Amino acid sequence: MRLDKYLKNSRIIKRRTVAKEACEGGRVSINGKVAKAGTAVEIGDIIEIRFGDRIFKAEITALAEHATKDSAKEMYKTIV
């Protein structure tokens, strides 16, 4: 699954265009490497997103083409 689509489906970022812009701006990395919007993600990957001075870090636990609000929270596990 594409990174921008995963971010939208998991509801980490609300819109796919915003997710794409975050990727193009170099604010998203997968397993320590800066990632583009089209980068494929897999279960077990670690995603880091920089929101201003804050860093959100999560591990991918599931991939789903369509996710409800409740099941979206189960697609990742937040890492402190």
C-alpha atoms as a PDB file:
ATOM      1  CA  MET A   1       0.000   0.000   0.000  1.00  0.00           C
ATOM      2  CA  ARG A   2       1.221   3.518  -0.783  1.00  0.00           C
ATOM      3  CA  LEU A   3       2.390   5.589   2.174  1.00  0.00           C
ATOM      4  CA  ASP A   4       0.016   8.505   1.542  1.00  0.00           C
ATOM      5  CA  LYS A   5      -2.959   6.139   1.258  1.00  0.00           C
ATOM      6  CA  TYR A   6      -1.962   4.345   4.469  1.00  0.00           C
ATOM      7  CA  LEU A   7      -1.701   7.626   6.386  1.00  0.00           C
ATOM      8  CA  LYS A   8      -5.199   8.572   5.220  1.00  0.00           C
ATOM      9  CA  ASN A   9      -6.802   5.143   5.828  1.00  0.00           C
ATOM     10  CA  SER A  10      -5.291   4.868   9.310  1.00  0.00           C
ATOM     11  CA  ARG A  11      -6.488   8.425  10.006  1.00  0.00           C
ATOM     12  CA  ILE A  12      -3.067   9.574  11.149  1.00  0.00           C
ATOM     13  CA  ILE A  13      -3.516  12.376   8.592  1.00  0.00           C
ATOM     14  CA  LYS A  14      -7.060  13.339   7.567  1.00  0.00           C
ATOM     15  CA  ARG A  15      -6.604  13.894   3.832  1.00  0.00           C
ATOM     16  CA  ARG A  16      -4.493  12.088   1.257  1.00  0.00           C
ATOM     17  CA  THR A  17      -3.380  15.360  -0.348  1.00  0.00           C
ATOM     18  CA  VAL A  18      -2.124  16.597   3.023  1.00  0.00           C
ATOM     19  CA  ALA A  19      -0.303  13.269   3.519  1.00  0.00           C
ATOM     20  CA  LYS A  20       1.278  13.652   0.079  1.00  0.00           C
ATOM     21  CA  GLU A  21       2.409  17.205   0.886  1.00  0.00           C
ATOM     22  CA  ALA A  22       3.950  16.020   4.169  1.00  0.00           C
ATOM     23  CA  CYS A  23       5.880  13.331   2.275  1.00  0.00           C
ATOM     24  CA  GLU A  24       7.046  15.777  -0.410  1.00  0.00           C
ATOM     25  CA  GLY A  25       8.191  18.170   2.315  1.00  0.00           C
ATOM     26  CA  GLY A  26      10.492  15.498   3.772  1.00  0.00           C
ATOM     27  CA  ARG A  27       8.586  15.313   7.065  1.00  0.00           C
ATOM     28  CA  VAL A  28       7.786  11.582   6.850  1.00  0.00           C
ATOM     29  CA  SER A  29      10.301   8.758   7.216  1.00  0.00           C
ATOM     30  CA  ILE A  30       9.998   4.975   7.200  1.00  0.00           C
ATOM     31  CA  ASN A  31      12.550   2.951   9.160  1.00  0.00           C
ATOM     32  CA  GLY A  32      14.811   6.004   9.449  1.00  0.00           C
ATOM     33  CA  LYS A  33      14.792   6.927   5.741  1.00  0.00           C
ATOM     34  CA  VAL A  34      12.903   9.880   4.252  1.00  0.00           C
ATOM     35  CA  ALA A  35       9.979   8.497   2.248  1.00  0.00           C
ATOM     36  CA  LYS A  36       8.007   9.680  -0.762  1.00  0.00           C
ATOM     37  CA  ALA A  37       4.208   9.445  -1.039  1.00  0.00           C
ATOM     38  CA  GLY A  38       4.410   6.407  -3.357  1.00  0.00           C
ATOM     39  CA  THR A  39       6.699   4.396  -1.092  1.00  0.00           C
ATOM     40  CA  ALA A  40       5.242   0.969  -0.276  1.00  0.00           C
ATOM     41  CA  VAL A  41       4.618   0.285   3.413  1.00  0.00           C
ATOM     42  CA  GLU A  42       4.519  -3.125   5.065  1.00  0.00           C
ATOM     43  CA  ILE A  43       3.483  -4.483   8.444  1.00  0.00           C
ATOM     44  CA  GLY A  44       6.291  -3.929  10.953  1.00  0.00           C
ATOM     45  CA  ASP A  45       7.579  -0.690   9.388  1.00  0.00           C
ATOM     46  CA  ILE A  46       8.223   2.259  11.724  1.00  0.00           C
ATOM     47  CA  ILE A  47       6.793   5.598  10.569  1.00  0.00           C
ATOM     48  CA  GLU A  48       8.025   8.953  11.879  1.00  0.00           C
ATOM     49  CA  ILE A  49       6.143  12.160  11.082  1.00  0.00           C
ATOM     50  CA  ARG A  50       7.336  15.612  12.135  1.00  0.00           C
ATOM     51  CA  PHE A  51       4.475  17.997  13.002  1.00  0.00           C
ATOM     52  CA  GLY A  52       6.230  21.281  13.785  1.00  0.00           C
ATOM     53  CA  ASP A  53       8.380  20.638  16.870  1.00  0.00           C
ATOM     54  CA  ARG A  54       6.558  17.378  17.666  1.00  0.00           C
ATOM     55  CA  ILE A  55       7.452  13.915  16.352  1.00  0.00           C
ATOM     56  CA  PHE A  56       4.825  11.176  15.945  1.00  0.00           C
ATOM     57  CA  LYS A  57       6.285   7.674  15.824  1.00  0.00           C
ATOM     58  CA  ALA A  58       4.263   4.512  15.162  1.00  0.00           C
ATOM     59  CA  GLU A  59       4.646   0.897  14.067  1.00  0.00           C
ATOM     60  CA  ILE A  60       2.379  -0.427  11.311  1.00  0.00           C
ATOM     61  CA  THR A  61       0.349  -3.369  12.633  1.00  0.00           C
ATOM     62  CA  ALA A  62      -2.213  -3.821   9.824  1.00  0.00           C
ATOM     63  CA  LEU A  63      -2.995  -2.729   6.266  1.00  0.00           C
ATOM     64  CA  ALA A  64      -6.589  -2.156   5.123  1.00  0.00           C
ATOM     65  CA  GLU A  65      -8.020  -0.652   1.933  1.00  0.00           C
ATOM     66  CA  HIS A  66     -11.080   0.583   3.807  1.00  0.00           C
ATOM     67  CA  ALA A  67     -11.172   1.220   7.541  1.00  0.00           C
ATOM     68  CA  THR A  68     -13.884   2.381   9.898  1.00  0.00           C
ATOM     69  CA  LYS A  69     -13.135   4.910  12.597  1.00  0.00           C
ATOM     70  CA  ASP A  70     -12.697   2.162  15.209  1.00  0.00           C
ATOM     71  CA  SER A  71     -10.635  -0.211  13.064  1.00  0.00           C
ATOM     72  CA  ALA A  72      -8.342   2.623  11.901  1.00  0.00           C
ATOM     73  CA  LYS A  73      -6.844   2.849  15.411  1.00  0.00           C
ATOM     74  CA  GLU A  74      -5.835  -0.814  15.169  1.00  0.00           C
ATOM     75  CA  MET A  75      -3.730  -0.198  12.036  1.00  0.00           C
ATOM     76  CA  TYR A  76      -0.823   1.210  14.037  1.00  0.00           C
ATOM     77  CA  LYS A  77       0.762   1.177  17.485  1.00  0.00           C
ATOM     78  CA  THR A  78       2.145   4.435  18.842  1.00  0.00           C
ATOM     79  CA  ILE A  79       5.771   4.321  20.022  1.00  0.00           C
ATOM     80  CA  VAL A  80       6.916   6.721  22.706  1.00  0.00           C
END
